[in-house]
């Protein structure tokens, strides 16, 4: 495997993992609707690109990298979801 292929596979692997996280977020009913909707869109966009894995043209490759960045930038939104410890009486 060439180093370009290895780097591409690394990005695909990370993208698949991020898409899996986004899918879990989208399916969790305790997450606010706007965050679930965003996560769902990210998953759909990633899955649409997977058909070109290993054979995409430069434009599709760029879309994949853009999608990877979008998913990575989405994750900090999860910090906005307010949560408290089960026993918050001592706070």
C-alpha atoms as a PDB file:
ATOM      1  CA  UNK A   1       0.000   0.000   0.000  1.00  0.00           C
ATOM      2  CA  UNK A   2       1.393   3.405  -0.942  1.00  0.00           C
ATOM      3  CA  UNK A   3       1.582   6.080   1.672  1.00  0.00           C
ATOM      4  CA  UNK A   4      -1.192   8.016  -0.123  1.00  0.00           C
ATOM      5  CA  UNK A   5      -3.407   4.952   0.089  1.00  0.00           C
ATOM      6  CA  UNK A   6      -2.516   4.492   3.757  1.00  0.00           C
ATOM      7  CA  UNK A   7      -3.359   8.125   4.555  1.00  0.00           C
ATOM      8  CA  UNK A   8      -6.628   7.849   2.663  1.00  0.00           C
ATOM      9  CA  UNK A   9      -7.530   4.658   4.538  1.00  0.00           C
ATOM     10  CA  UNK A  10      -6.735   6.391   7.828  1.00  0.00           C
ATOM     11  CA  UNK A  11      -9.125   9.217   6.971  1.00  0.00           C
ATOM     12  CA  UNK A  12     -11.826   6.764   5.907  1.00  0.00           C
ATOM     13  CA  UNK A  13     -11.378   4.785   9.132  1.00  0.00           C
ATOM     14  CA  UNK A  14     -11.669   7.929  11.267  1.00  0.00           C
ATOM     15  CA  UNK A  15     -14.629   9.140   9.188  1.00  0.00           C
ATOM     16  CA  UNK A  16     -16.427   5.831   9.685  1.00  0.00           C
ATOM     17  CA  UNK A  17     -15.825   6.024  13.430  1.00  0.00           C
ATOM     18  CA  UNK A  18     -17.084   9.619  13.578  1.00  0.00           C
ATOM     19  CA  UNK A  19     -20.122   8.666  11.505  1.00  0.00           C
ATOM     20  CA  UNK A  20     -20.832   5.829  13.965  1.00  0.00           C
ATOM     21  CA  UNK A  21     -20.717   8.313  16.849  1.00  0.00           C
ATOM     22  CA  UNK A  22     -23.001  10.686  14.953  1.00  0.00           C
ATOM     23  CA  UNK A  23     -25.407   7.822  14.284  1.00  0.00           C
ATOM     24  CA  UNK A  24     -25.570   6.987  17.994  1.00  0.00           C
ATOM     25  CA  UNK A  25     -26.257  10.658  18.752  1.00  0.00           C
ATOM     26  CA  UNK A  26     -28.980  10.812  16.080  1.00  0.00           C
ATOM     27  CA  UNK A  27     -30.686   7.734  17.534  1.00  0.00           C
ATOM     28  CA  UNK A  28     -30.587   8.888  21.174  1.00  0.00           C
ATOM     29  CA  UNK A  29     -33.948  10.310  22.233  1.00  0.00           C
ATOM     30  CA  UNK A  30     -32.361  12.213  25.138  1.00  0.00           C
ATOM     31  CA  UNK A  31     -30.382  14.437  22.774  1.00  0.00           C
ATOM     32  CA  UNK A  32     -32.051  17.719  21.734  1.00  0.00           C
ATOM     33  CA  UNK A  33     -33.808  17.485  18.375  1.00  0.00           C
ATOM     34  CA  UNK A  34     -31.623  20.061  16.607  1.00  0.00           C
ATOM     35  CA  UNK A  35     -28.458  18.157  17.499  1.00  0.00           C
ATOM     36  CA  UNK A  36     -30.020  14.828  16.527  1.00  0.00           C
ATOM     37  CA  UNK A  37     -31.060  16.292  13.175  1.00  0.00           C
ATOM     38  CA  UNK A  38     -27.561  17.628  12.496  1.00  0.00           C
ATOM     39  CA  UNK A  39     -26.028  14.284  13.388  1.00  0.00           C
ATOM     40  CA  UNK A  40     -28.434  12.463  11.093  1.00  0.00           C
ATOM     41  CA  UNK A  41     -27.556  14.711   8.149  1.00  0.00           C
ATOM     42  CA  UNK A  42     -23.844  14.126   8.743  1.00  0.00           C
ATOM     43  CA  UNK A  43     -24.355  10.361   8.744  1.00  0.00           C
ATOM     44  CA  UNK A  44     -26.408  10.478   5.544  1.00  0.00           C
ATOM     45  CA  UNK A  45     -23.792  12.622   3.797  1.00  0.00           C
ATOM     46  CA  UNK A  46     -20.955  10.310   4.871  1.00  0.00           C
ATOM     47  CA  UNK A  47     -22.801   7.176   3.815  1.00  0.00           C
ATOM     48  CA  UNK A  48     -23.508   8.704   0.398  1.00  0.00           C
ATOM     49  CA  UNK A  49     -19.765   9.148  -0.126  1.00  0.00           C
ATOM     50  CA  UNK A  50     -18.808   5.619   0.905  1.00  0.00           C
ATOM     51  CA  UNK A  51     -19.846   4.211  -2.464  1.00  0.00           C
ATOM     52  CA  UNK A  52     -16.823   5.991  -3.958  1.00  0.00           C
ATOM     53  CA  UNK A  53     -14.348   4.567  -1.412  1.00  0.00           C
ATOM     54  CA  UNK A  54     -11.089   3.756  -3.145  1.00  0.00           C
ATOM     55  CA  UNK A  55     -12.246   4.884  -6.565  1.00  0.00           C
ATOM     56  CA  UNK A  56     -13.439   8.463  -6.168  1.00  0.00           C
ATOM     57  CA  UNK A  57     -12.372  11.315  -8.374  1.00  0.00           C
ATOM     58  CA  UNK A  58     -10.629  14.407  -6.925  1.00  0.00           C
ATOM     59  CA  UNK A  59     -13.937  16.195  -6.295  1.00  0.00           C
ATOM     60  CA  UNK A  60     -15.350  13.233  -4.381  1.00  0.00           C
ATOM     61  CA  UNK A  61     -12.105  12.925  -2.446  1.00  0.00           C
ATOM     62  CA  UNK A  62     -12.366  16.598  -1.456  1.00  0.00           C
ATOM     63  CA  UNK A  63     -16.000  16.084  -0.406  1.00  0.00           C
ATOM     64  CA  UNK A  64     -14.920  13.199   1.811  1.00  0.00           C
ATOM     65  CA  UNK A  65     -12.275  15.304   3.508  1.00  0.00           C
ATOM     66  CA  UNK A  66     -14.754  18.157   3.948  1.00  0.00           C
ATOM     67  CA  UNK A  67     -17.252  15.740   5.481  1.00  0.00           C
ATOM     68  CA  UNK A  68     -14.609  14.439   7.877  1.00  0.00           C
ATOM     69  CA  UNK A  69     -13.941  17.993   9.055  1.00  0.00           C
ATOM     70  CA  UNK A  70     -17.683  18.701   9.420  1.00  0.00           C
ATOM     71  CA  UNK A  71     -18.154  15.650  11.638  1.00  0.00           C
ATOM     72  CA  UNK A  72     -15.122  16.523  13.773  1.00  0.00           C
ATOM     73  CA  UNK A  73     -16.404  20.077  14.233  1.00  0.00           C
ATOM     74  CA  UNK A  74     -19.845  18.772  15.157  1.00  0.00           C
ATOM     75  CA  UNK A  75     -18.663  16.860  18.224  1.00  0.00           C
ATOM     76  CA  UNK A  76     -18.122  19.908  20.480  1.00  0.00           C
ATOM     77  CA  UNK A  77     -21.873  20.591  20.195  1.00  0.00           C
ATOM     78  CA  UNK A  78     -22.381  17.588  22.441  1.00  0.00           C
ATOM     79  CA  UNK A  79     -20.823  19.576  25.271  1.00  0.00           C
ATOM     80  CA  UNK A  80     -23.805  21.964  24.998  1.00  0.00           C
ATOM     81  CA  UNK A  81     -26.167  19.202  26.110  1.00  0.00           C
ATOM     82  CA  UNK A  82     -26.720  19.942  29.779  1.00  0.00           C
ATOM     83  CA  UNK A  83     -26.341  17.038  32.120  1.00  0.00           C
ATOM     84  CA  UNK A  84     -26.039  16.597  35.858  1.00  0.00           C
ATOM     85  CA  UNK A  85     -24.774  13.771  38.052  1.00  0.00           C
ATOM     86  CA  UNK A  86     -27.443  11.363  39.274  1.00  0.00           C
ATOM     87  CA  UNK A  87     -27.023  12.689  42.805  1.00  0.00           C
ATOM     88  CA  UNK A  88     -26.767  16.425  42.357  1.00  0.00           C
ATOM     89  CA  UNK A  89     -27.998  17.184  45.889  1.00  0.00           C
ATOM     90  CA  UNK A  90     -24.455  18.021  47.002  1.00  0.00           C
ATOM     91  CA  UNK A  91     -23.850  20.630  44.321  1.00  0.00           C
END
